[in-house]
PDB file of N, CA and C in Angstrom:
ATOM      1  N   MET A   1     212.742 -31.432  79.474  1.00  0.00           N
ATOM      2  CA  MET A   1     211.736 -30.582  80.060  1.00  0.00           C
ATOM      3  C   MET A   1     211.093 -31.352  81.209  1.00  0.00           C
ATOM      4  N   LEU A   2     210.814 -30.625  82.267  1.00  0.00           N
ATOM      5  CA  LEU A   2     210.208 -31.210  83.464  1.00  0.00           C
ATOM      6  C   LEU A   2     208.810 -30.644  83.665  1.00  0.00           C
ATOM      7  N   ASP A   3     207.934 -31.468  84.243  1.00  0.00           N
ATOM      8  CA  ASP A   3     206.622 -30.943  84.604  1.00  0.00           C
ATOM      9  C   ASP A   3     206.703 -30.292  85.984  1.00  0.00           C
ATOM     10  N   ASP A   4     205.582 -29.926  86.539  1.00  0.00           N
ATOM     11  CA  ASP A   4     205.553 -29.240  87.842  1.00  0.00           C
ATOM     12  C   ASP A   4     206.034 -30.110  88.995  1.00  0.00           C
ATOM     13  N   ASN A   5     206.085 -31.435  88.784  1.00  0.00           N
ATOM     14  CA  ASN A   5     206.543 -32.366  89.816  1.00  0.00           C
ATOM     15  C   ASN A   5     207.975 -32.829  89.585  1.00  0.00           C
ATOM     16  N   ASP A   6     208.712 -32.123  88.722  1.00  0.00           N
ATOM     17  CA  ASP A   6     210.089 -32.479  88.364  1.00  0.00           C
ATOM     18  C   ASP A   6     210.196 -33.836  87.673  1.00  0.00           C
ATOM     19  N   THR A   7     209.134 -34.249  87.005  1.00  0.00           N
ATOM     20  CA  THR A   7     209.136 -35.490  86.243  1.00  0.00           C
ATOM     21  C   THR A   7     209.578 -35.180  84.815  1.00  0.00           C
ATOM     22  N   LEU A   8     210.484 -35.977  84.300  1.00  0.00           N
ATOM     23  CA  LEU A   8     210.997 -35.773  82.945  1.00  0.00           C
ATOM     24  C   LEU A   8     209.910 -36.085  81.921  1.00  0.00           C
ATOM     25  N   ILE A   9     209.588 -35.100  81.080  1.00  0.00           N
ATOM     26  CA  ILE A   9     208.524 -35.306  80.085  1.00  0.00           C
ATOM     27  C   ILE A   9     209.019 -35.093  78.650  1.00  0.00           C
ATOM     28  N   GLY A  10     210.234 -34.596  78.488  1.00  0.00           N
ATOM     29  CA  GLY A  10     210.747 -34.377  77.139  1.00  0.00           C
ATOM     30  C   GLY A  10     212.156 -33.828  77.159  1.00  0.00           C
ATOM     31  N   VAL A  11     212.803 -33.911  76.000  1.00  0.00           N
ATOM     32  CA  VAL A  11     214.160 -33.379  75.856  1.00  0.00           C
ATOM     33  C   VAL A  11     214.271 -32.610  74.546  1.00  0.00           C
ATOM     34  N   VAL A  12     215.218 -31.695  74.522  1.00  0.00           N
ATOM     35  CA  VAL A  12     215.546 -30.963  73.300  1.00  0.00           C
ATOM     36  C   VAL A  12     217.060 -30.926  73.163  1.00  0.00           C
ATOM     37  N   THR A  13     217.505 -30.806  71.948  1.00  0.00           N
ATOM     38  CA  THR A  13     218.933 -30.664  71.708  1.00  0.00           C
ATOM     39  C   THR A  13     219.265 -29.188  71.561  1.00  0.00           C
ATOM     40  N   LEU A  14     220.523 -28.879  71.698  1.00  0.00           N
ATOM     41  CA  LEU A  14     220.966 -27.500  71.490  1.00  0.00           C
ATOM     42  C   LEU A  14     220.642 -27.065  70.069  1.00  0.00           C
ATOM     43  N   ARG A  15     220.834 -27.965  69.123  1.00  0.00           N
ATOM     44  CA  ARG A  15     220.535 -27.660  67.716  1.00  0.00           C
ATOM     45  C   ARG A  15     219.063 -27.280  67.555  1.00  0.00           C
ATOM     46  N   GLN A  16     218.176 -28.059  68.170  1.00  0.00           N
ATOM     47  CA  GLN A  16     216.747 -27.759  68.083  1.00  0.00           C
ATOM     48  C   GLN A  16     216.440 -26.369  68.632  1.00  0.00           C
ATOM     49  N   LEU A  17     217.078 -26.026  69.735  1.00  0.00           N
ATOM     50  CA  LEU A  17     216.852 -24.702  70.322  1.00  0.00           C
ATOM     51  C   LEU A  17     217.331 -23.591  69.388  1.00  0.00           C
ATOM     52  N   LEU A  18     218.479 -23.812  68.760  1.00  0.00           N
ATOM     53  CA  LEU A  18     219.053 -22.778  67.902  1.00  0.00           C
ATOM     54  C   LEU A  18     218.283 -22.568  66.605  1.00  0.00           C
ATOM     55  N   ILE A  19     217.703 -23.638  66.053  1.00  0.00           N
ATOM     56  CA  ILE A  19     217.020 -23.492  64.763  1.00  0.00           C
ATOM     57  C   ILE A  19     215.511 -23.272  64.886  1.00  0.00           C
ATOM     58  N   SER A  20     214.976 -23.389  66.080  1.00  0.00           N
ATOM     59  CA  SER A  20     213.525 -23.205  66.235  1.00  0.00           C
ATOM     60  C   SER A  20     213.164 -21.725  66.137  1.00  0.00           C
ATOM     61  N   GLN A  21     211.947 -21.495  65.757  1.00  0.00           N
ATOM     62  CA  GLN A  21     211.437 -20.134  65.687  1.00  0.00           C
ATOM     63  C   GLN A  21     211.336 -19.559  67.099  1.00  0.00           C
ATOM     64  N   PRO A  22     211.721 -18.303  67.281  1.00  0.00           N
ATOM     65  CA  PRO A  22     211.720 -17.712  68.631  1.00  0.00           C
ATOM     66  C   PRO A  22     210.352 -17.710  69.322  1.00  0.00           C
ATOM     67  N   ASP A  23     209.290 -17.722  68.547  1.00  0.00           N
ATOM     68  CA  ASP A  23     207.958 -17.667  69.148  1.00  0.00           C
ATOM     69  C   ASP A  23     207.383 -19.052  69.467  1.00  0.00           C
ATOM     70  N   LYS A  24     208.123 -20.118  69.134  1.00  0.00           N
ATOM     71  CA  LYS A  24     207.639 -21.477  69.412  1.00  0.00           C
ATOM     72  C   LYS A  24     207.902 -21.856  70.856  1.00  0.00           C
ATOM     73  N   LEU A  25     206.969 -22.580  71.439  1.00  0.00           N
ATOM     74  CA  LEU A  25     207.154 -23.124  72.781  1.00  0.00           C
ATOM     75  C   LEU A  25     208.014 -24.379  72.689  1.00  0.00           C
ATOM     76  N   VAL A  26     208.838 -24.605  73.689  1.00  0.00           N
ATOM     77  CA  VAL A  26     209.688 -25.801  73.718  1.00  0.00           C
ATOM     78  C   VAL A  26     208.826 -27.055  73.618  1.00  0.00           C
ATOM     79  N   SER A  27     207.688 -27.049  74.250  1.00  0.00           N
ATOM     80  CA  SER A  27     206.805 -28.223  74.227  1.00  0.00           C
ATOM     81  C   SER A  27     206.324 -28.572  72.825  1.00  0.00           C
ATOM     82  N   GLU A  28     206.414 -27.631  71.896  1.00  0.00           N
ATOM     83  CA  GLU A  28     205.982 -27.888  70.528  1.00  0.00           C
ATOM     84  C   GLU A  28     207.008 -28.702  69.734  1.00  0.00           C
ATOM     85  N   PHE A  29     208.287 -28.630  70.106  1.00  0.00           N
ATOM     86  CA  PHE A  29     209.290 -29.342  69.318  1.00  0.00           C
ATOM     87  C   PHE A  29     210.150 -30.301  70.137  1.00  0.00           C
ATOM     88  N   MET A  30     209.880 -30.425  71.401  1.00  0.00           N
ATOM     89  CA  MET A  30     210.672 -31.343  72.219  1.00  0.00           C
ATOM     90  C   MET A  30     210.348 -32.795  71.845  1.00  0.00           C
ATOM     91  N   ARG A  31     211.307 -33.659  72.084  1.00  0.00           N
ATOM     92  CA  ARG A  31     211.087 -35.089  71.878  1.00  0.00           C
ATOM     93  C   ARG A  31     210.453 -35.644  73.145  1.00  0.00           C
ATOM     94  N   LYS A  32     209.266 -36.221  72.978  1.00  0.00           N
ATOM     95  CA  LYS A  32     208.533 -36.719  74.144  1.00  0.00           C
ATOM     96  C   LYS A  32     208.898 -38.151  74.493  1.00  0.00           C
ATOM     97  N   LYS A  33     209.386 -38.903  73.519  1.00  0.00           N
ATOM     98  CA  LYS A  33     209.845 -40.264  73.797  1.00  0.00           C
ATOM     99  C   LYS A  33     211.320 -40.153  74.185  1.00  0.00           C
ATOM    100  N   VAL A  34     211.570 -40.176  75.481  1.00  0.00           N
ATOM    101  CA  VAL A  34     212.903 -39.891  76.011  1.00  0.00           C
ATOM    102  C   VAL A  34     213.677 -41.188  76.266  1.00  0.00           C
ATOM    103  N   ILE A  35     214.883 -41.256  75.727  1.00  0.00           N
ATOM    104  CA  ILE A  35     215.809 -42.327  76.065  1.00  0.00           C
ATOM    105  C   ILE A  35     216.510 -41.875  77.334  1.00  0.00           C
ATOM    106  N   LYS A  36     216.390 -42.670  78.389  1.00  0.00           N
ATOM    107  CA  LYS A  36     216.955 -42.291  79.686  1.00  0.00           C
ATOM    108  C   LYS A  36     217.436 -43.540  80.396  1.00  0.00           C
ATOM    109  N   VAL A  37     218.155 -43.331  81.487  1.00  0.00           N
ATOM    110  CA  VAL A  37     218.604 -44.455  82.309  1.00  0.00           C
ATOM    111  C   VAL A  37     218.185 -44.197  83.751  1.00  0.00           C
ATOM    112  N   LYS A  38     218.061 -45.275  84.493  1.00  0.00           N
ATOM    113  CA  LYS A  38     217.754 -45.179  85.923  1.00  0.00           C
ATOM    114  C   LYS A  38     219.070 -45.019  86.695  1.00  0.00           C
ATOM    115  N   ILE A  39     218.980 -44.602  87.912  1.00  0.00           N
ATOM    116  CA  ILE A  39     220.150 -44.387  88.751  1.00  0.00           C
ATOM    117  C   ILE A  39     221.003 -45.646  88.862  1.00  0.00           C
ATOM    118  N   ASP A  40     220.356 -46.801  88.916  1.00  0.00           N
ATOM    119  CA  ASP A  40     221.089 -48.044  89.125  1.00  0.00           C
ATOM    120  C   ASP A  40     221.374 -48.825  87.831  1.00  0.00           C
ATOM    121  N   THR A  41     221.276 -48.169  86.683  1.00  0.00           N
ATOM    122  CA  THR A  41     221.559 -48.838  85.404  1.00  0.00           C
ATOM    123  C   THR A  41     223.044 -49.190  85.314  1.00  0.00           C
ATOM    124  N   ASP A  42     223.323 -50.398  84.866  1.00  0.00           N
ATOM    125  CA  ASP A  42     224.694 -50.868  84.684  1.00  0.00           C
ATOM    126  C   ASP A  42     225.424 -49.976  83.676  1.00  0.00           C
ATOM    127  N   ILE A  43     226.662 -49.635  83.982  1.00  0.00           N
ATOM    128  CA  ILE A  43     227.431 -48.708  83.145  1.00  0.00           C
ATOM    129  C   ILE A  43     227.624 -49.245  81.722  1.00  0.00           C
ATOM    130  N   LYS A  44     227.701 -50.559  81.564  1.00  0.00           N
ATOM    131  CA  LYS A  44     227.843 -51.109  80.211  1.00  0.00           C
ATOM    132  C   LYS A  44     226.579 -50.881  79.394  1.00  0.00           C
ATOM    133  N   LYS A  45     225.428 -50.959  80.042  1.00  0.00           N
ATOM    134  CA  LYS A  45     224.174 -50.661  79.338  1.00  0.00           C
ATOM    135  C   LYS A  45     224.135 -49.182  78.948  1.00  0.00           C
ATOM    136  N   VAL A  46     224.616 -48.327  79.825  1.00  0.00           N
ATOM    137  CA  VAL A  46     224.685 -46.895  79.526  1.00  0.00           C
ATOM    138  C   VAL A  46     225.585 -46.671  78.312  1.00  0.00           C
ATOM    139  N   ALA A  47     226.728 -47.338  78.287  1.00  0.00           N
ATOM    140  CA  ALA A  47     227.654 -47.207  77.159  1.00  0.00           C
ATOM    141  C   ALA A  47     226.996 -47.661  75.859  1.00  0.00           C
ATOM    142  N   LYS A  48     226.222 -48.720  75.915  1.00  0.00           N
ATOM    143  CA  LYS A  48     225.520 -49.202  74.715  1.00  0.00           C
ATOM    144  C   LYS A  48     224.515 -48.174  74.213  1.00  0.00           C
ATOM    145  N   ILE A  49     223.862 -47.470  75.137  1.00  0.00           N
ATOM    146  CA  ILE A  49     222.915 -46.418  74.740  1.00  0.00           C
ATOM    147  C   ILE A  49     223.655 -45.288  74.035  1.00  0.00           C
ATOM    148  N   PHE A  50     224.800 -44.886  74.590  1.00  0.00           N
ATOM    149  CA  PHE A  50     225.595 -43.850  73.931  1.00  0.00           C
ATOM    150  C   PHE A  50     225.978 -44.286  72.521  1.00  0.00           C
ATOM    151  N   TYR A  51     226.408 -45.521  72.387  1.00  0.00           N
ATOM    152  CA  TYR A  51     226.844 -46.030  71.089  1.00  0.00           C
ATOM    153  C   TYR A  51     225.673 -46.127  70.106  1.00  0.00           C
ATOM    154  N   LYS A  52     224.568 -46.701  70.556  1.00  0.00           N
ATOM    155  CA  LYS A  52     223.414 -46.922  69.679  1.00  0.00           C
ATOM    156  C   LYS A  52     222.813 -45.618  69.168  1.00  0.00           C
ATOM    157  N   TYR A  53     222.677 -44.627  70.040  1.00  0.00           N
ATOM    158  CA  TYR A  53     221.995 -43.390  69.680  1.00  0.00           C
ATOM    159  C   TYR A  53     222.938 -42.223  69.375  1.00  0.00           C
ATOM    160  N   ASN A  54     224.230 -42.429  69.559  1.00  0.00           N
ATOM    161  CA  ASN A  54     225.228 -41.385  69.302  1.00  0.00           C
ATOM    162  C   ASN A  54     224.946 -40.125  70.129  1.00  0.00           C
ATOM    163  N   PHE A  55     224.582 -40.334  71.386  1.00  0.00           N
ATOM    164  CA  PHE A  55     224.290 -39.227  72.292  1.00  0.00           C
ATOM    165  C   PHE A  55     225.576 -38.674  72.905  1.00  0.00           C
ATOM    166  N   ASP A  56     225.494 -37.418  73.340  1.00  0.00           N
ATOM    167  CA  ASP A  56     226.567 -36.812  74.128  1.00  0.00           C
ATOM    168  C   ASP A  56     226.246 -36.902  75.620  1.00  0.00           C
ATOM    169  N   VAL A  57     224.954 -36.845  75.936  1.00  0.00           N
ATOM    170  CA  VAL A  57     224.483 -36.955  77.320  1.00  0.00           C
ATOM    171  C   VAL A  57     223.214 -37.794  77.362  1.00  0.00           C
ATOM    172  N   VAL A  58     222.962 -38.392  78.525  1.00  0.00           N
ATOM    173  CA  VAL A  58     221.746 -39.171  78.740  1.00  0.00           C
ATOM    174  C   VAL A  58     221.167 -38.751  80.091  1.00  0.00           C
ATOM    175  N   PRO A  59     219.866 -38.471  80.139  1.00  0.00           N
ATOM    176  CA  PRO A  59     219.255 -38.124  81.420  1.00  0.00           C
ATOM    177  C   PRO A  59     219.221 -39.330  82.363  1.00  0.00           C
ATOM    178  N   VAL A  60     219.374 -39.042  83.651  1.00  0.00           N
ATOM    179  CA  VAL A  60     219.303 -40.074  84.692  1.00  0.00           C
ATOM    180  C   VAL A  60     218.081 -39.758  85.560  1.00  0.00           C
ATOM    181  N   VAL A  61     217.231 -40.787  85.755  1.00  0.00           N
ATOM    182  CA  VAL A  61     216.001 -40.597  86.522  1.00  0.00           C
ATOM    183  C   VAL A  61     215.894 -41.646  87.623  1.00  0.00           C
ATOM    184  N   ASP A  62     215.034 -41.367  88.592  1.00  0.00           N
ATOM    185  CA  ASP A  62     214.765 -42.356  89.640  1.00  0.00           C
ATOM    186  C   ASP A  62     213.574 -43.218  89.225  1.00  0.00           C
ATOM    187  N   LYS A  63     213.099 -44.056  90.128  1.00  0.00           N
ATOM    188  CA  LYS A  63     212.013 -44.976  89.777  1.00  0.00           C
ATOM    189  C   LYS A  63     210.692 -44.258  89.517  1.00  0.00           C
ATOM    190  N   TYR A  64     210.601 -42.992  89.889  1.00  0.00           N
ATOM    191  CA  TYR A  64     209.396 -42.205  89.644  1.00  0.00           C
ATOM    192  C   TYR A  64     209.530 -41.304  88.420  1.00  0.00           C
ATOM    193  N   ASN A  65     210.610 -41.516  87.666  1.00  0.00           N
ATOM    194  CA  ASN A  65     210.904 -40.743  86.461  1.00  0.00           C
ATOM    195  C   ASN A  65     211.236 -39.285  86.773  1.00  0.00           C
ATOM    196  N   LYS A  66     211.689 -39.046  87.993  1.00  0.00           N
ATOM    197  CA  LYS A  66     212.131 -37.699  88.370  1.00  0.00           C
ATOM    198  C   LYS A  66     213.601 -37.557  88.019  1.00  0.00           C
ATOM    199  N   ILE A  67     213.940 -36.453  87.414  1.00  0.00           N
ATOM    200  CA  ILE A  67     215.301 -36.220  86.946  1.00  0.00           C
ATOM    201  C   ILE A  67     216.260 -36.126  88.130  1.00  0.00           C
ATOM    202  N   LYS A  68     217.365 -36.835  88.024  1.00  0.00           N
ATOM    203  CA  LYS A  68     218.392 -36.812  89.059  1.00  0.00           C
ATOM    204  C   LYS A  68     219.699 -36.255  88.532  1.00  0.00           C
ATOM    205  N   GLY A  69     219.800 -36.086  87.222  1.00  0.00           N
ATOM    206  CA  GLY A  69     221.002 -35.537  86.630  1.00  0.00           C
ATOM    207  C   GLY A  69     221.188 -36.067  85.223  1.00  0.00           C
ATOM    208  N   ILE A  70     222.427 -35.977  84.754  1.00  0.00           N
ATOM    209  CA  ILE A  70     222.782 -36.491  83.434  1.00  0.00           C
ATOM    210  C   ILE A  70     224.090 -37.255  83.554  1.00  0.00           C
ATOM    211  N   ILE A  71     224.322 -38.101  82.596  1.00  0.00           N
ATOM    212  CA  ILE A  71     225.626 -38.740  82.475  1.00  0.00           C
ATOM    213  C   ILE A  71     226.150 -38.398  81.088  1.00  0.00           C
ATOM    214  N   THR A  72     227.411 -38.028  81.029  1.00  0.00           N
ATOM    215  CA  THR A  72     228.014 -37.678  79.747  1.00  0.00           C
ATOM    216  C   THR A  72     228.781 -38.872  79.193  1.00  0.00           C
ATOM    217  N   ILE A  73     229.087 -38.799  77.923  1.00  0.00           N
ATOM    218  CA  ILE A  73     229.889 -39.849  77.300  1.00  0.00           C
ATOM    219  C   ILE A  73     231.254 -39.923  77.983  1.00  0.00           C
ATOM    220  N   LYS A  74     231.781 -38.779  78.390  1.00  0.00           N
ATOM    221  CA  LYS A  74     233.068 -38.751  79.092  1.00  0.00           C
ATOM    222  C   LYS A  74     232.970 -39.500  80.420  1.00  0.00           C
ATOM    223  N   ASP A  75     231.884 -39.270  81.157  1.00  0.00           N
ATOM    224  CA  ASP A  75     231.675 -39.980  82.424  1.00  0.00           C
ATOM    225  C   ASP A  75     231.666 -41.491  82.202  1.00  0.00           C
ATOM    226  N   ALA A  76     230.929 -41.920  81.181  1.00  0.00           N
ATOM    227  CA  ALA A  76     230.810 -43.350  80.897  1.00  0.00           C
ATOM    228  C   ALA A  76     232.162 -43.943  80.510  1.00  0.00           C
ATOM    229  N   LEU A  77     232.900 -43.250  79.657  1.00  0.00           N
ATOM    230  CA  LEU A  77     234.215 -43.757  79.244  1.00  0.00           C
ATOM    231  C   LEU A  77     235.176 -43.858  80.424  1.00  0.00           C
ATOM    232  N   GLU A  78     235.174 -42.846  81.274  1.00  0.00           N
ATOM    233  CA  GLU A  78     236.066 -42.866  82.446  1.00  0.00           C
ATOM    234  C   GLU A  78     235.703 -44.008  83.382  1.00  0.00           C
ATOM    235  N   ARG A  79     234.444 -44.341  83.463  1.00  0.00           N
ATOM    236  CA  ARG A  79     234.007 -45.415  84.344  1.00  0.00           C
ATOM    237  C   ARG A  79     234.397 -46.785  83.798  1.00  0.00           C
ATOM    238  N   ILE A  80     234.251 -46.940  82.475  1.00  0.00           N
ATOM    239  CA  ILE A  80     234.571 -48.224  81.847  1.00  0.00           C
ATOM    240  C   ILE A  80     236.076 -48.407  81.710  1.00  0.00           C
ATOM    241  N   PHE A  81     236.759 -47.319  81.358  1.00  0.00           N
ATOM    242  CA  PHE A  81     238.212 -47.356  81.165  1.00  0.00           C
ATOM    243  C   PHE A  81     238.878 -46.328  82.069  1.00  0.00           C
ATOM    244  N   PRO A  82     239.055 -46.634  83.358  1.00  0.00           N
ATOM    245  CA  PRO A  82     239.612 -45.651  84.287  1.00  0.00           C
ATOM    246  C   PRO A  82     240.992 -45.155  83.869  1.00  0.00           C
ATOM    247  N   GLU A  83     241.722 -45.984  83.131  1.00  0.00           N
ATOM    248  CA  GLU A  83     243.060 -45.563  82.709  1.00  0.00           C
ATOM    249  C   GLU A  83     243.013 -44.396  81.725  1.00  0.00           C
ATOM    250  N   ILE A  84     241.876 -44.201  81.036  1.00  0.00           N
ATOM    251  CA  ILE A  84     241.746 -43.081  80.100  1.00  0.00           C
ATOM    252  C   ILE A  84     241.922 -41.760  80.842  1.00  0.00           C
ATOM    253  N   LYS A  85     241.275 -41.624  81.985  1.00  0.00           N
ATOM    254  CA  LYS A  85     241.371 -40.387  82.762  1.00  0.00           C
ATOM    255  C   LYS A  85     242.811 -40.157  83.211  1.00  0.00           C
ATOM    256  N   GLU A  86     243.440 -41.207  83.730  1.00  0.00           N
ATOM    257  CA  GLU A  86     244.820 -41.086  84.198  1.00  0.00           C
ATOM    258  C   GLU A  86     245.753 -40.694  83.056  1.00  0.00           C
ATOM    259  N   GLU A  87     245.611 -41.357  81.915  1.00  0.00           N
ATOM    260  CA  GLU A  87     246.480 -41.081  80.777  1.00  0.00           C
ATOM    261  C   GLU A  87     246.230 -39.678  80.218  1.00  0.00           C
ATOM    262  N   SER A  88     244.992 -39.219  80.202  1.00  0.00           N
ATOM    263  CA  SER A  88     244.709 -37.892  79.669  1.00  0.00           C
ATOM    264  C   SER A  88     245.249 -36.806  80.589  1.00  0.00           C
ATOM    265  N   GLU A  89     245.278 -37.062  81.888  1.00  0.00           N
ATOM    266  CA  GLU A  89     245.847 -36.100  82.821  1.00  0.00           C
ATOM    267  C   GLU A  89     247.359 -35.996  82.677  1.00  0.00           C
ATOM    268  N   GLU A  90     247.993 -37.079  82.242  1.00  0.00           N
ATOM    269  CA  GLU A  90     249.442 -37.076  82.033  1.00  0.00           C
ATOM    270  C   GLU A  90     249.832 -36.263  80.804  1.00  0.00           C
ATOM    271  N   ILE A  91     248.935 -36.110  79.841  1.00  0.00           N
ATOM    272  CA  ILE A  91     249.220 -35.417  78.589  1.00  0.00           C
ATOM    273  C   ILE A  91     249.401 -33.919  78.803  1.00  0.00           C
ATOM    274  N   LYS A  92     248.787 -33.372  79.799  1.00  0.00           N
ATOM    275  CA  LYS A  92     248.831 -31.921  80.050  1.00  0.00           C
ATOM    276  C   LYS A  92     250.203 -31.421  80.135  1.00  0.00           C
TER     277      LYS A  92
END
């Protein structure tokens, strides 16, 4: 979730959205302590975050905590092991 200045203030999972009561505000059940990475975070550190927290995606922010995008586990794996992408394309 972003505030009016596009600053990251919380996250929710798809599961949380699906099981929450329809009348609840997202701000009532979002996680406010956000695990995130900066734009210039080393890819190995990103991989460790995926491993430690078992995330599928991690938000990417700038030095002002403004959201710049997300990185997926697939993105991280392809970056660390470029041959994975090549080999998976050969399987088709």
